[in-house]
Amino acid sequence: MKDTILYFKGSNGKMRKIAEIAGDKTDSEKKADALSEINKFCEERDFTIHYIRSWNTVQDEKPMTVFDAGSHTEFFYAEPAIEYIDIW
């Protein structure tokens, strides 16, 4: 299976790769790994995460998962999209 690439998109609009998640993991494991990498990235920059919400979208004809960690102008993206269902 194809690995999942986690990107950070800054307020300047540029995306940069911050992590690679093994493609042989389940979608739940991929999501957990992505959240762990996002937390690590934010901790290194002294950014406090108060919430994370996510959704799937298509950007530049590529299915991606968007992670909003509380910034109004910066987001994280996972490609390809992570398919999962959250049950409350």
PDB file of N, CA and C in Angstrom:
ATOM      1  N   MET A   1       0.825  -1.191   0.000  1.00  0.00           N
ATOM      2  CA  MET A   1       0.000   0.000   0.000  1.00  0.00           C
ATOM      3  C   MET A   1       0.867   1.250   0.000  1.00  0.00           C
ATOM      4  N   LYS A   2       0.287   2.305  -0.483  1.00  0.00           N
ATOM      5  CA  LYS A   2       0.991   3.581  -0.566  1.00  0.00           C
ATOM      6  C   LYS A   2       1.084   4.230   0.816  1.00  0.00           C
ATOM      7  N   ASP A   3       2.265   4.781   1.124  1.00  0.00           N
ATOM      8  CA  ASP A   3       2.435   5.503   2.386  1.00  0.00           C
ATOM      9  C   ASP A   3       1.598   6.771   2.389  1.00  0.00           C
ATOM     10  N   THR A   4       1.229   7.221   3.579  1.00  0.00           N
ATOM     11  CA  THR A   4       0.500   8.475   3.755  1.00  0.00           C
ATOM     12  C   THR A   4       1.507   9.550   4.115  1.00  0.00           C
ATOM     13  N   ILE A   5       1.453  10.663   3.398  1.00  0.00           N
ATOM     14  CA  ILE A   5       2.353  11.782   3.640  1.00  0.00           C
ATOM     15  C   ILE A   5       1.579  12.849   4.415  1.00  0.00           C
ATOM     16  N   LEU A   6       2.177  13.343   5.491  1.00  0.00           N
ATOM     17  CA  LEU A   6       1.580  14.398   6.295  1.00  0.00           C
ATOM     18  C   LEU A   6       2.296  15.706   5.978  1.00  0.00           C
ATOM     19  N   TYR A   7       1.496  16.720   5.618  1.00  0.00           N
ATOM     20  CA  TYR A   7       2.026  18.032   5.252  1.00  0.00           C
ATOM     21  C   TYR A   7       1.546  19.089   6.235  1.00  0.00           C
ATOM     22  N   PHE A   8       2.323  20.151   6.346  1.00  0.00           N
ATOM     23  CA  PHE A   8       1.917  21.358   7.060  1.00  0.00           C
ATOM     24  C   PHE A   8       1.792  22.461   6.027  1.00  0.00           C
ATOM     25  N   LYS A   9       0.650  23.140   6.039  1.00  0.00           N
ATOM     26  CA  LYS A   9       0.439  24.277   5.139  1.00  0.00           C
ATOM     27  C   LYS A   9       0.411  25.535   5.989  1.00  0.00           C
ATOM     28  N   GLY A  10       1.436  26.364   5.839  1.00  0.00           N
ATOM     29  CA  GLY A  10       1.567  27.575   6.629  1.00  0.00           C
ATOM     30  C   GLY A  10       0.703  28.713   6.111  1.00  0.00           C
ATOM     31  N   SER A  11       0.738  29.801   6.819  1.00  0.00           N
ATOM     32  CA  SER A  11      -0.060  30.968   6.440  1.00  0.00           C
ATOM     33  C   SER A  11       0.401  31.574   5.116  1.00  0.00           C
ATOM     34  N   ASN A  12       1.603  31.196   4.665  1.00  0.00           N
ATOM     35  CA  ASN A  12       2.097  31.661   3.367  1.00  0.00           C
ATOM     36  C   ASN A  12       1.530  30.845   2.211  1.00  0.00           C
ATOM     37  N   GLY A  13       0.752  29.801   2.524  1.00  0.00           N
ATOM     38  CA  GLY A  13       0.113  28.974   1.505  1.00  0.00           C
ATOM     39  C   GLY A  13       0.967  27.835   0.985  1.00  0.00           C
ATOM     40  N   LYS A  14       2.192  27.727   1.473  1.00  0.00           N
ATOM     41  CA  LYS A  14       3.085  26.672   1.005  1.00  0.00           C
ATOM     42  C   LYS A  14       2.967  25.433   1.890  1.00  0.00           C
ATOM     43  N   MET A  15       2.976  24.260   1.225  1.00  0.00           N
ATOM     44  CA  MET A  15       2.893  22.997   1.943  1.00  0.00           C
ATOM     45  C   MET A  15       4.279  22.368   2.009  1.00  0.00           C
ATOM     46  N   ARG A  16       4.589  21.795   3.195  1.00  0.00           N
ATOM     47  CA  ARG A  16       5.851  21.074   3.326  1.00  0.00           C
ATOM     48  C   ARG A  16       5.616  19.770   4.067  1.00  0.00           C
ATOM     49  N   LYS A  17       6.330  18.768   3.641  1.00  0.00           N
ATOM     50  CA  LYS A  17       6.210  17.434   4.229  1.00  0.00           C
ATOM     51  C   LYS A  17       6.809  17.445   5.628  1.00  0.00           C
ATOM     52  N   ILE A  18       6.053  16.888   6.595  1.00  0.00           N
ATOM     53  CA  ILE A  18       6.588  16.808   7.949  1.00  0.00           C
ATOM     54  C   ILE A  18       6.710  15.367   8.453  1.00  0.00           C
ATOM     55  N   ALA A  19       6.021  14.422   7.803  1.00  0.00           N
ATOM     56  CA  ALA A  19       6.109  13.028   8.252  1.00  0.00           C
ATOM     57  C   ALA A  19       5.595  12.093   7.161  1.00  0.00           C
ATOM     58  N   GLU A  20       5.996  10.836   7.293  1.00  0.00           N
ATOM     59  CA  GLU A  20       5.529   9.787   6.406  1.00  0.00           C
ATOM     60  C   GLU A  20       5.013   8.647   7.275  1.00  0.00           C
ATOM     61  N   ILE A  21       3.805   8.182   6.967  1.00  0.00           N
ATOM     62  CA  ILE A  21       3.156   7.129   7.755  1.00  0.00           C
ATOM     63  C   ILE A  21       3.055   5.880   6.881  1.00  0.00           C
ATOM     64  N   ALA A  22       3.499   4.755   7.410  1.00  0.00           N
ATOM     65  CA  ALA A  22       3.548   3.505   6.651  1.00  0.00           C
ATOM     66  C   ALA A  22       2.170   3.132   6.106  1.00  0.00           C
ATOM     67  N   GLY A  23       2.156   2.731   4.860  1.00  0.00           N
ATOM     68  CA  GLY A  23       0.913   2.397   4.184  1.00  0.00           C
ATOM     69  C   GLY A  23       0.290   1.084   4.621  1.00  0.00           C
ATOM     70  N   ASP A  24       1.049   0.257   5.350  1.00  0.00           N
ATOM     71  CA  ASP A  24       0.505  -1.040   5.757  1.00  0.00           C
ATOM     72  C   ASP A  24      -0.302  -0.978   7.053  1.00  0.00           C
ATOM     73  N   LYS A  25      -0.509   0.220   7.583  1.00  0.00           N
ATOM     74  CA  LYS A  25      -1.279   0.390   8.819  1.00  0.00           C
ATOM     75  C   LYS A  25      -2.767   0.530   8.505  1.00  0.00           C
ATOM     76  N   THR A  26      -3.592   0.280   9.523  1.00  0.00           N
ATOM     77  CA  THR A  26      -5.031   0.501   9.355  1.00  0.00           C
ATOM     78  C   THR A  26      -5.294   2.004   9.325  1.00  0.00           C
ATOM     79  N   ASP A  27      -6.469   2.382   8.861  1.00  0.00           N
ATOM     80  CA  ASP A  27      -6.818   3.804   8.827  1.00  0.00           C
ATOM     81  C   ASP A  27      -6.836   4.403  10.226  1.00  0.00           C
ATOM     82  N   SER A  28      -7.294   3.648  11.206  1.00  0.00           N
ATOM     83  CA  SER A  28      -7.293   4.142  12.593  1.00  0.00           C
ATOM     84  C   SER A  28      -5.870   4.379  13.083  1.00  0.00           C
ATOM     85  N   GLU A  29      -4.957   3.492  12.734  1.00  0.00           N
ATOM     86  CA  GLU A  29      -3.554   3.658  13.117  1.00  0.00           C
ATOM     87  C   GLU A  29      -2.929   4.859  12.394  1.00  0.00           C
ATOM     88  N   LYS A  30      -3.285   5.030  11.123  1.00  0.00           N
ATOM     89  CA  LYS A  30      -2.768   6.182  10.361  1.00  0.00           C
ATOM     90  C   LYS A  30      -3.233   7.491  10.987  1.00  0.00           C
ATOM     91  N   LYS A  31      -4.509   7.534  11.380  1.00  0.00           N
ATOM     92  CA  LYS A  31      -5.031   8.742  12.008  1.00  0.00           C
ATOM     93  C   LYS A  31      -4.316   9.005  13.326  1.00  0.00           C
ATOM     94  N   ALA A  32      -4.119   7.967  14.137  1.00  0.00           N
ATOM     95  CA  ALA A  32      -3.431   8.125  15.420  1.00  0.00           C
ATOM     96  C   ALA A  32      -1.995   8.608  15.208  1.00  0.00           C
ATOM     97  N   ASP A  33      -1.315   8.044  14.214  1.00  0.00           N
ATOM     98  CA  ASP A  33       0.056   8.472  13.918  1.00  0.00           C
ATOM     99  C   ASP A  33       0.083   9.917  13.432  1.00  0.00           C
ATOM    100  N   ALA A  34      -0.870  10.291  12.590  1.00  0.00           N
ATOM    101  CA  ALA A  34      -0.938  11.674  12.094  1.00  0.00           C
ATOM    102  C   ALA A  34      -1.144  12.633  13.259  1.00  0.00           C
ATOM    103  N   LEU A  35      -2.048  12.312  14.163  1.00  0.00           N
ATOM    104  CA  LEU A  35      -2.299  13.176  15.320  1.00  0.00           C
ATOM    105  C   LEU A  35      -1.066  13.278  16.211  1.00  0.00           C
ATOM    106  N   SER A  36      -0.346  12.181  16.365  1.00  0.00           N
ATOM    107  CA  SER A  36       0.882  12.192  17.154  1.00  0.00           C
ATOM    108  C   SER A  36       1.928  13.107  16.514  1.00  0.00           C
ATOM    109  N   GLU A  37       2.084  13.022  15.203  1.00  0.00           N
ATOM    110  CA  GLU A  37       3.044  13.872  14.490  1.00  0.00           C
ATOM    111  C   GLU A  37       2.636  15.344  14.565  1.00  0.00           C
ATOM    112  N   ILE A  38       1.339  15.617  14.468  1.00  0.00           N
ATOM    113  CA  ILE A  38       0.845  16.993  14.575  1.00  0.00           C
ATOM    114  C   ILE A  38       1.148  17.552  15.963  1.00  0.00           C
ATOM    115  N   ASN A  39       0.884  16.745  16.995  1.00  0.00           N
ATOM    116  CA  ASN A  39       1.188  17.179  18.368  1.00  0.00           C
ATOM    117  C   ASN A  39       2.672  17.463  18.541  1.00  0.00           C
ATOM    118  N   LYS A  40       3.510  16.583  18.025  1.00  0.00           N
ATOM    119  CA  LYS A  40       4.956  16.762  18.134  1.00  0.00           C
ATOM    120  C   LYS A  40       5.399  18.046  17.411  1.00  0.00           C
ATOM    121  N   PHE A  41       4.886  18.256  16.211  1.00  0.00           N
ATOM    122  CA  PHE A  41       5.220  19.443  15.407  1.00  0.00           C
ATOM    123  C   PHE A  41       4.849  20.716  16.169  1.00  0.00           C
ATOM    124  N   CYS A  42       3.660  20.730  16.745  1.00  0.00           N
ATOM    125  CA  CYS A  42       3.187  21.919  17.458  1.00  0.00           C
ATOM    126  C   CYS A  42       3.956  22.141  18.764  1.00  0.00           C
ATOM    127  N   GLU A  43       4.253  21.061  19.484  1.00  0.00           N
ATOM    128  CA  GLU A  43       5.029  21.177  20.727  1.00  0.00           C
ATOM    129  C   GLU A  43       6.398  21.792  20.464  1.00  0.00           C
ATOM    130  N   GLU A  44       7.045  21.376  19.373  1.00  0.00           N
ATOM    131  CA  GLU A  44       8.368  21.897  19.033  1.00  0.00           C
ATOM    132  C   GLU A  44       8.337  23.403  18.760  1.00  0.00           C
ATOM    133  N   ARG A  45       7.152  23.919  18.440  1.00  0.00           N
ATOM    134  CA  ARG A  45       7.004  25.337  18.123  1.00  0.00           C
ATOM    135  C   ARG A  45       6.239  26.104  19.198  1.00  0.00           C
ATOM    136  N   ASP A  46       6.077  25.477  20.358  1.00  0.00           N
ATOM    137  CA  ASP A  46       5.369  26.072  21.500  1.00  0.00           C
ATOM    138  C   ASP A  46       3.960  26.543  21.140  1.00  0.00           C
ATOM    139  N   PHE A  47       3.290  25.786  20.254  1.00  0.00           N
ATOM    140  CA  PHE A  47       1.906  26.089  19.906  1.00  0.00           C
ATOM    141  C   PHE A  47       1.011  25.140  20.698  1.00  0.00           C
ATOM    142  N   THR A  48       0.084  25.696  21.452  1.00  0.00           N
ATOM    143  CA  THR A  48      -0.847  24.893  22.237  1.00  0.00           C
ATOM    144  C   THR A  48      -2.067  24.543  21.399  1.00  0.00           C
ATOM    145  N   ILE A  49      -2.337  23.259  21.308  1.00  0.00           N
ATOM    146  CA  ILE A  49      -3.518  22.783  20.582  1.00  0.00           C
ATOM    147  C   ILE A  49      -4.670  22.691  21.566  1.00  0.00           C
ATOM    148  N   HIS A  50      -5.765  23.388  21.270  1.00  0.00           N
ATOM    149  CA  HIS A  50      -6.952  23.322  22.123  1.00  0.00           C
ATOM    150  C   HIS A  50      -7.988  22.347  21.577  1.00  0.00           C
ATOM    151  N   TYR A  51      -7.914  22.083  20.305  1.00  0.00           N
ATOM    152  CA  TYR A  51      -8.807  21.101  19.682  1.00  0.00           C
ATOM    153  C   TYR A  51      -8.201  20.706  18.341  1.00  0.00           C
ATOM    154  N   ILE A  52      -8.623  19.564  17.828  1.00  0.00           N
ATOM    155  CA  ILE A  52      -8.299  19.166  16.460  1.00  0.00           C
ATOM    156  C   ILE A  52      -9.570  18.623  15.844  1.00  0.00           C
ATOM    157  N   ARG A  53      -9.907  19.133  14.696  1.00  0.00           N
ATOM    158  CA  ARG A  53     -11.023  18.573  13.935  1.00  0.00           C
ATOM    159  C   ARG A  53     -10.485  18.194  12.566  1.00  0.00           C
ATOM    160  N   SER A  54     -11.131  17.250  11.932  1.00  0.00           N
ATOM    161  CA  SER A  54     -10.636  16.790  10.633  1.00  0.00           C
ATOM    162  C   SER A  54     -11.796  16.464   9.710  1.00  0.00           C
ATOM    163  N   TRP A  55     -11.495  16.527   8.431  1.00  0.00           N
ATOM    164  CA  TRP A  55     -12.472  16.179   7.401  1.00  0.00           C
ATOM    165  C   TRP A  55     -11.715  15.803   6.139  1.00  0.00           C
ATOM    166  N   ASN A  56     -12.395  15.079   5.266  1.00  0.00           N
ATOM    167  CA  ASN A  56     -11.808  14.699   3.986  1.00  0.00           C
ATOM    168  C   ASN A  56     -12.272  15.646   2.896  1.00  0.00           C
ATOM    169  N   THR A  57     -11.374  15.928   1.972  1.00  0.00           N
ATOM    170  CA  THR A  57     -11.649  16.857   0.885  1.00  0.00           C
ATOM    171  C   THR A  57     -10.813  16.451  -0.324  1.00  0.00           C
ATOM    172  N   VAL A  58     -10.990  17.161  -1.409  1.00  0.00           N
ATOM    173  CA  VAL A  58     -10.159  16.981  -2.594  1.00  0.00           C
ATOM    174  C   VAL A  58      -9.479  18.314  -2.864  1.00  0.00           C
ATOM    175  N   GLN A  59      -8.150  18.269  -2.979  1.00  0.00           N
ATOM    176  CA  GLN A  59      -7.393  19.477  -3.259  1.00  0.00           C
ATOM    177  C   GLN A  59      -6.467  19.169  -4.431  1.00  0.00           C
ATOM    178  N   ASP A  60      -6.537  19.993  -5.455  1.00  0.00           N
ATOM    179  CA  ASP A  60      -5.737  19.764  -6.670  1.00  0.00           C
ATOM    180  C   ASP A  60      -5.958  18.351  -7.210  1.00  0.00           C
ATOM    181  N   GLU A  61      -7.205  17.916  -7.185  1.00  0.00           N
ATOM    182  CA  GLU A  61      -7.632  16.603  -7.676  1.00  0.00           C
ATOM    183  C   GLU A  61      -7.053  15.437  -6.877  1.00  0.00           C
ATOM    184  N   LYS A  62      -6.586  15.703  -5.648  1.00  0.00           N
ATOM    185  CA  LYS A  62      -6.049  14.652  -4.790  1.00  0.00           C
ATOM    186  C   LYS A  62      -6.911  14.544  -3.537  1.00  0.00           C
ATOM    187  N   PRO A  63      -7.380  13.324  -3.203  1.00  0.00           N
ATOM    188  CA  PRO A  63      -8.126  13.159  -1.960  1.00  0.00           C
ATOM    189  C   PRO A  63      -7.186  13.324  -0.755  1.00  0.00           C
ATOM    190  N   MET A  64      -7.571  14.194   0.175  1.00  0.00           N
ATOM    191  CA  MET A  64      -6.743  14.488   1.339  1.00  0.00           C
ATOM    192  C   MET A  64      -7.609  14.593   2.581  1.00  0.00           C
ATOM    193  N   THR A  65      -6.977  14.374   3.731  1.00  0.00           N
ATOM    194  CA  THR A  65      -7.608  14.630   5.019  1.00  0.00           C
ATOM    195  C   THR A  65      -7.015  15.921   5.553  1.00  0.00           C
ATOM    196  N   VAL A  66      -7.877  16.839   5.968  1.00  0.00           N
ATOM    197  CA  VAL A  66      -7.445  18.112   6.539  1.00  0.00           C
ATOM    198  C   VAL A  66      -7.556  18.010   8.055  1.00  0.00           C
ATOM    199  N   PHE A  67      -6.529  18.464   8.755  1.00  0.00           N
ATOM    200  CA  PHE A  67      -6.541  18.536  10.214  1.00  0.00           C
ATOM    201  C   PHE A  67      -6.426  20.003  10.608  1.00  0.00           C
ATOM    202  N   ASP A  68      -7.416  20.494  11.306  1.00  0.00           N
ATOM    203  CA  ASP A  68      -7.434  21.866  11.822  1.00  0.00           C
ATOM    204  C   ASP A  68      -7.061  21.776  13.293  1.00  0.00           C
ATOM    205  N   ALA A  69      -5.903  22.351  13.644  1.00  0.00           N
ATOM    206  CA  ALA A  69      -5.413  22.279  15.021  1.00  0.00           C
ATOM    207  C   ALA A  69      -5.626  23.589  15.767  1.00  0.00           C
ATOM    208  N   GLY A  70      -6.517  24.423  15.289  1.00  0.00           N
ATOM    209  CA  GLY A  70      -6.872  25.627  16.018  1.00  0.00           C
ATOM    210  C   GLY A  70      -6.339  26.928  15.453  1.00  0.00           C
ATOM    211  N   SER A  71      -5.536  26.862  14.421  1.00  0.00           N
ATOM    212  CA  SER A  71      -5.041  28.085  13.791  1.00  0.00           C
ATOM    213  C   SER A  71      -6.032  28.502  12.710  1.00  0.00           C
ATOM    214  N   HIS A  72      -6.184  29.792  12.521  1.00  0.00           N
ATOM    215  CA  HIS A  72      -7.103  30.272  11.490  1.00  0.00           C
ATOM    216  C   HIS A  72      -6.468  30.242  10.101  1.00  0.00           C
ATOM    217  N   THR A  73      -5.150  30.113  10.040  1.00  0.00           N
ATOM    218  CA  THR A  73      -4.464  30.239   8.752  1.00  0.00           C
ATOM    219  C   THR A  73      -3.521  29.082   8.430  1.00  0.00           C
ATOM    220  N   GLU A  74      -3.360  28.123   9.332  1.00  0.00           N
ATOM    221  CA  GLU A  74      -2.429  27.021   9.122  1.00  0.00           C
ATOM    222  C   GLU A  74      -3.131  25.693   9.373  1.00  0.00           C
ATOM    223  N   PHE A  75      -2.870  24.722   8.485  1.00  0.00           N
ATOM    224  CA  PHE A  75      -3.540  23.434   8.557  1.00  0.00           C
ATOM    225  C   PHE A  75      -2.557  22.313   8.252  1.00  0.00           C
ATOM    226  N   PHE A  76      -2.954  21.092   8.589  1.00  0.00           N
ATOM    227  CA  PHE A  76      -2.194  19.904   8.263  1.00  0.00           C
ATOM    228  C   PHE A  76      -3.015  19.096   7.262  1.00  0.00           C
ATOM    229  N   TYR A  77      -2.319  18.431   6.345  1.00  0.00           N
ATOM    230  CA  TYR A  77      -2.976  17.633   5.314  1.00  0.00           C
ATOM    231  C   TYR A  77      -2.327  16.259   5.253  1.00  0.00           C
ATOM    232  N   ALA A  78      -3.142  15.223   5.108  1.00  0.00           N
ATOM    233  CA  ALA A  78      -2.647  13.866   4.894  1.00  0.00           C
ATOM    234  C   ALA A  78      -3.064  13.439   3.495  1.00  0.00           C
ATOM    235  N   GLU A  79      -2.088  12.896   2.744  1.00  0.00           N
ATOM    236  CA  GLU A  79      -2.363  12.421   1.388  1.00  0.00           C
ATOM    237  C   GLU A  79      -1.810  11.015   1.229  1.00  0.00           C
ATOM    238  N   PRO A  80      -2.593  10.058   0.771  1.00  0.00           N
ATOM    239  CA  PRO A  80      -4.000  10.179   0.413  1.00  0.00           C
ATOM    240  C   PRO A  80      -4.887  10.305   1.651  1.00  0.00           C
ATOM    241  N   ALA A  81      -6.151  10.631   1.407  1.00  0.00           N
ATOM    242  CA  ALA A  81      -7.099  10.813   2.508  1.00  0.00           C
ATOM    243  C   ALA A  81      -7.167   9.551   3.369  1.00  0.00           C
ATOM    244  N   ILE A  82      -7.340   9.761   4.661  1.00  0.00           N
ATOM    245  CA  ILE A  82      -7.483   8.659   5.612  1.00  0.00           C
ATOM    246  C   ILE A  82      -8.980   8.409   5.783  1.00  0.00           C
ATOM    247  N   GLU A  83      -9.401   7.232   5.412  1.00  0.00           N
ATOM    248  CA  GLU A  83     -10.823   6.887   5.528  1.00  0.00           C
ATOM    249  C   GLU A  83     -11.086   6.351   6.925  1.00  0.00           C
ATOM    250  N   TYR A  84     -12.006   6.952   7.617  1.00  0.00           N
ATOM    251  CA  TYR A  84     -12.340   6.498   8.965  1.00  0.00           C
ATOM    252  C   TYR A  84     -13.718   7.010   9.328  1.00  0.00           C
ATOM    253  N   ILE A  85     -14.301   6.354  10.311  1.00  0.00           N
ATOM    254  CA  ILE A  85     -15.592   6.790  10.846  1.00  0.00           C
ATOM    255  C   ILE A  85     -15.416   6.959  12.343  1.00  0.00           C
ATOM    256  N   ASP A  86     -15.723   8.140  12.846  1.00  0.00           N
ATOM    257  CA  ASP A  86     -15.689   8.374  14.284  1.00  0.00           C
ATOM    258  C   ASP A  86     -17.058   8.039  14.853  1.00  0.00           C
ATOM    259  N   ILE A  87     -17.081   7.213  15.859  1.00  0.00           N
ATOM    260  CA  ILE A  87     -18.337   6.841  16.494  1.00  0.00           C
ATOM    261  C   ILE A  87     -18.334   7.451  17.896  1.00  0.00           C
ATOM    262  N   TRP A  88     -19.351   8.182  18.201  1.00  0.00           N
ATOM    263  CA  TRP A  88     -19.431   8.871  19.507  1.00  0.00           C
ATOM    264  C   TRP A  88     -20.336   8.119  20.435  1.00  0.00           C
TER     265      TRP A  88
END
